[in-house]
Protein backbone atom coordinates (compact mmCIF):
# COMPACT_ATOMS: atom_id res chain seq x y z
CA MET A 1 -26.20 109.77 -269.18
CA ILE A 2 -22.62 110.89 -269.12
CA LEU A 3 -20.36 108.30 -267.52
CA VAL A 4 -16.81 108.62 -266.30
CA ALA A 5 -14.66 105.67 -264.80
CA ALA A 6 -11.72 106.44 -262.32
CA GLY A 7 -8.98 104.07 -261.18
CA SER A 8 -5.89 104.44 -259.07
CA SER A 9 -3.06 102.02 -258.03
CA LEU A 10 -0.28 104.32 -256.58
CA PRO A 11 -0.45 106.92 -253.92
CA PHE A 12 0.24 110.58 -254.71
CA CYS A 13 1.40 113.21 -252.23
CA THR A 14 0.75 111.00 -249.21
CA ARG A 15 -3.09 110.26 -250.48
CA GLU A 16 -3.89 106.52 -251.00
CA SER A 17 -5.59 105.32 -253.93
CA ASN A 18 -9.20 105.23 -252.61
CA ASP A 19 -8.79 108.89 -251.50
CA LEU A 20 -7.29 109.92 -254.87
CA VAL A 21 -10.49 108.50 -256.73
CA LEU A 22 -12.84 110.43 -254.34
CA ASP A 23 -10.87 113.63 -254.70
CA ALA A 24 -10.66 113.50 -258.49
CA PHE A 25 -14.47 113.06 -258.67
CA SER A 26 -14.74 115.97 -256.11
CA ALA A 27 -12.64 117.97 -258.62
CA LEU A 28 -14.53 116.78 -261.48
CA GLY A 29 -17.88 117.79 -259.62
CA ARG A 30 -16.41 121.41 -259.08
CA ALA A 31 -15.60 121.64 -262.83
CA VAL A 32 -18.87 120.20 -264.36
CA GLY A 33 -21.51 120.58 -261.65
CA GLN A 34 -23.35 117.47 -260.57
CA CYS A 35 -21.32 114.28 -260.03
CA ASP A 36 -23.17 111.13 -258.64
CA ILE A 37 -20.34 108.50 -257.54
CA SER A 38 -20.68 104.89 -257.28
CA PRO A 39 -19.12 102.88 -254.50
CA LEU A 40 -15.46 102.11 -254.60
CA TYR A 41 -14.12 98.72 -255.64
CA GLU A 42 -10.77 97.10 -255.53
CA THR A 43 -9.69 94.99 -258.33
CA PRO A 44 -6.67 93.19 -259.34
CA ALA A 45 -3.98 94.88 -261.60
CA TRP A 46 -4.17 93.86 -265.21
CA PRO A 47 -2.29 92.57 -267.24
CA ASP A 48 0.20 92.03 -264.37
CA PRO A 49 -1.70 90.90 -261.21
CA SER A 50 1.55 91.29 -259.22
CA ASP A 51 1.16 95.12 -259.52
CA PRO A 52 -0.70 96.98 -256.88
CA PRO A 53 -4.39 96.60 -257.11
CA PHE A 54 -6.75 99.32 -258.45
CA ILE A 55 -9.37 101.21 -256.73
CA ASN A 56 -12.02 101.85 -259.14
CA ALA A 57 -15.43 103.67 -259.37
CA VAL A 58 -17.90 105.30 -261.81
CA ALA A 59 -19.56 108.55 -261.79
CA ALA A 60 -22.61 110.00 -263.82
CA VAL A 61 -21.96 113.63 -264.35
CA SER A 62 -24.19 116.40 -265.79
CA THR A 63 -22.37 118.99 -267.89
CA THR A 64 -22.82 121.40 -270.84
CA LEU A 65 -19.22 120.75 -271.62
CA SER A 66 -18.62 118.99 -275.18
CA PRO A 67 -17.02 115.47 -275.03
CA GLU A 68 -13.97 117.02 -276.17
CA ALA A 69 -13.93 119.72 -273.41
CA LEU A 70 -14.97 117.07 -270.84
CA LEU A 71 -12.02 114.81 -271.83
CA ALA A 72 -9.62 117.72 -271.62
CA ALA A 73 -11.03 118.47 -268.10
CA LEU A 74 -10.34 114.63 -267.24
CA HIS A 75 -6.76 115.00 -268.63
CA ALA A 76 -6.23 118.12 -266.57
CA ILE A 77 -7.42 116.46 -263.38
CA GLU A 78 -5.21 113.47 -264.09
CA ALA A 79 -2.19 115.68 -264.55
CA GLY A 80 -3.05 117.36 -261.22
CA PHE A 81 -2.90 114.13 -259.47
CA GLY A 82 0.44 113.05 -260.85
CA ARG A 83 -0.54 111.07 -263.92
CA LYS A 84 2.41 110.01 -266.29
CA ARG A 85 1.66 108.57 -269.44
CA HIS A 86 4.74 106.42 -269.92
CA GLU A 87 3.73 102.79 -270.16
CA LYS A 88 0.21 101.22 -271.10
CA ASN A 89 -1.49 99.54 -268.25
CA ALA A 90 1.21 100.54 -265.83
CA PRO A 91 0.46 101.18 -262.26
CA ARG A 92 -0.68 104.93 -262.02
CA THR A 93 -1.83 107.64 -259.50
CA LEU A 94 -5.16 108.20 -261.54
CA ASP A 95 -6.83 107.13 -264.55
CA LEU A 96 -10.18 108.94 -265.91
CA ASP A 97 -12.04 107.48 -268.79
CA LEU A 98 -14.93 109.05 -270.58
CA LEU A 99 -17.20 105.98 -270.92
CA ALA A 100 -20.19 107.40 -272.39
CA TYR A 101 -21.67 110.64 -273.36
CA HIS A 102 -25.44 110.14 -273.60
CA GLU A 103 -26.36 108.28 -276.87
CA GLU A 104 -23.41 109.33 -278.93
CA ARG A 105 -21.55 107.19 -281.01
CA ARG A 106 -17.90 108.12 -282.46
CA ASP A 107 -15.33 105.72 -284.14
CA GLY A 108 -12.33 107.62 -283.32
CA ALA A 109 -11.58 108.53 -286.92
CA ASP A 110 -8.86 110.93 -287.47
CA GLY A 111 -7.48 110.27 -284.00
CA GLY A 112 -10.74 111.66 -282.34
CA LEU A 113 -12.82 110.24 -279.32
CA ILE A 114 -14.30 106.67 -279.54
CA LEU A 115 -17.70 106.65 -277.69
CA PRO A 116 -18.79 104.68 -276.04
CA HIS A 117 -15.58 103.48 -274.60
CA PRO A 118 -14.61 100.21 -276.34
CA GLY A 119 -13.69 98.25 -273.38
CA ILE A 120 -16.96 98.65 -271.29
CA ALA A 121 -18.49 95.30 -271.79
CA GLU A 122 -15.22 93.19 -270.77
CA ARG A 123 -14.24 95.29 -267.83
CA GLU A 124 -15.53 94.41 -264.43
CA PHE A 125 -13.77 97.23 -262.86
CA VAL A 126 -16.07 99.50 -264.75
CA LEU A 127 -19.16 97.30 -264.64
CA ALA A 128 -19.35 96.51 -261.13
CA PRO A 129 -19.31 100.08 -259.91
CA LEU A 130 -21.67 100.89 -262.91
CA CYS A 131 -24.17 98.51 -261.75
CA ASP A 132 -24.37 100.09 -258.37
CA LEU A 133 -24.86 103.53 -260.05
CA ALA A 134 -27.06 102.56 -263.12
CA PRO A 135 -27.56 98.83 -263.59
CA ASP A 136 -30.37 99.65 -266.23
CA TRP A 137 -27.85 101.98 -268.32
CA ARG A 138 -27.71 100.69 -271.90
CA HIS A 139 -24.83 100.43 -274.02
CA PRO A 140 -25.59 102.96 -277.08
CA ILE A 141 -24.45 100.27 -279.62
CA THR A 142 -25.22 96.93 -278.39
CA GLY A 143 -28.51 97.93 -276.25
CA LYS A 144 -27.31 95.66 -273.36
CA THR A 145 -27.66 96.79 -269.84
CA ALA A 146 -24.62 97.30 -267.39
CA LYS A 147 -26.23 94.55 -265.24
CA SER A 148 -26.34 91.99 -268.17
CA MET A 149 -22.92 92.82 -269.35
CA LEU A 150 -21.51 92.26 -265.68
CA GLU A 151 -23.42 88.95 -265.45
CA ALA A 152 -21.89 87.84 -268.71
CA LEU A 153 -18.31 88.01 -267.42
CA GLU A 154 -16.71 84.50 -266.82
CA GLU A 155 -14.38 85.99 -264.24
CA ARG A 156 -15.47 88.13 -261.22
CA SER A 157 -12.79 89.33 -258.76
CA ALA A 158 -13.85 93.14 -257.91
CA ARG A 159 -14.52 93.69 -254.14
CA ARG A 160 -16.70 96.40 -253.08
CA ILE A 161 -14.78 98.30 -250.37
CA SER A 162 -17.31 101.21 -249.78
CA PRO A 163 -20.94 101.50 -248.94
């Protein structure tokens, strides 16, 4: 399974964050083919909860693109939605992360990709929508399911906002 996470906390061209996430996945679907999308969730901003909340979702995609080509497509979609990479964890119009690419494991050696994404197990904003989409998905390294990782989180504040 190929998994992509999306998040948005700032509007862009009069489009609010929930629309931006859905529009980004629509663009991704046009680029790669099949794109199954989770419900949307609202989560507090981190590390500064006084920043605007994020709208998050996860998609399972089917593609013949390599992980690097898929990541390049994700970055192009982000740029098309006004993404500026100026400060880590700052509010942004769109953030797309390649979470997993089938069972591939990569350690980021030489500045390359890290797969699966290193923060999956600690991020409710990823795990909550992932559990709606694929609760039995297993982390390629730990073997834990999305559902068990979500249940292991001490704090839970994600709020589902779409069916």
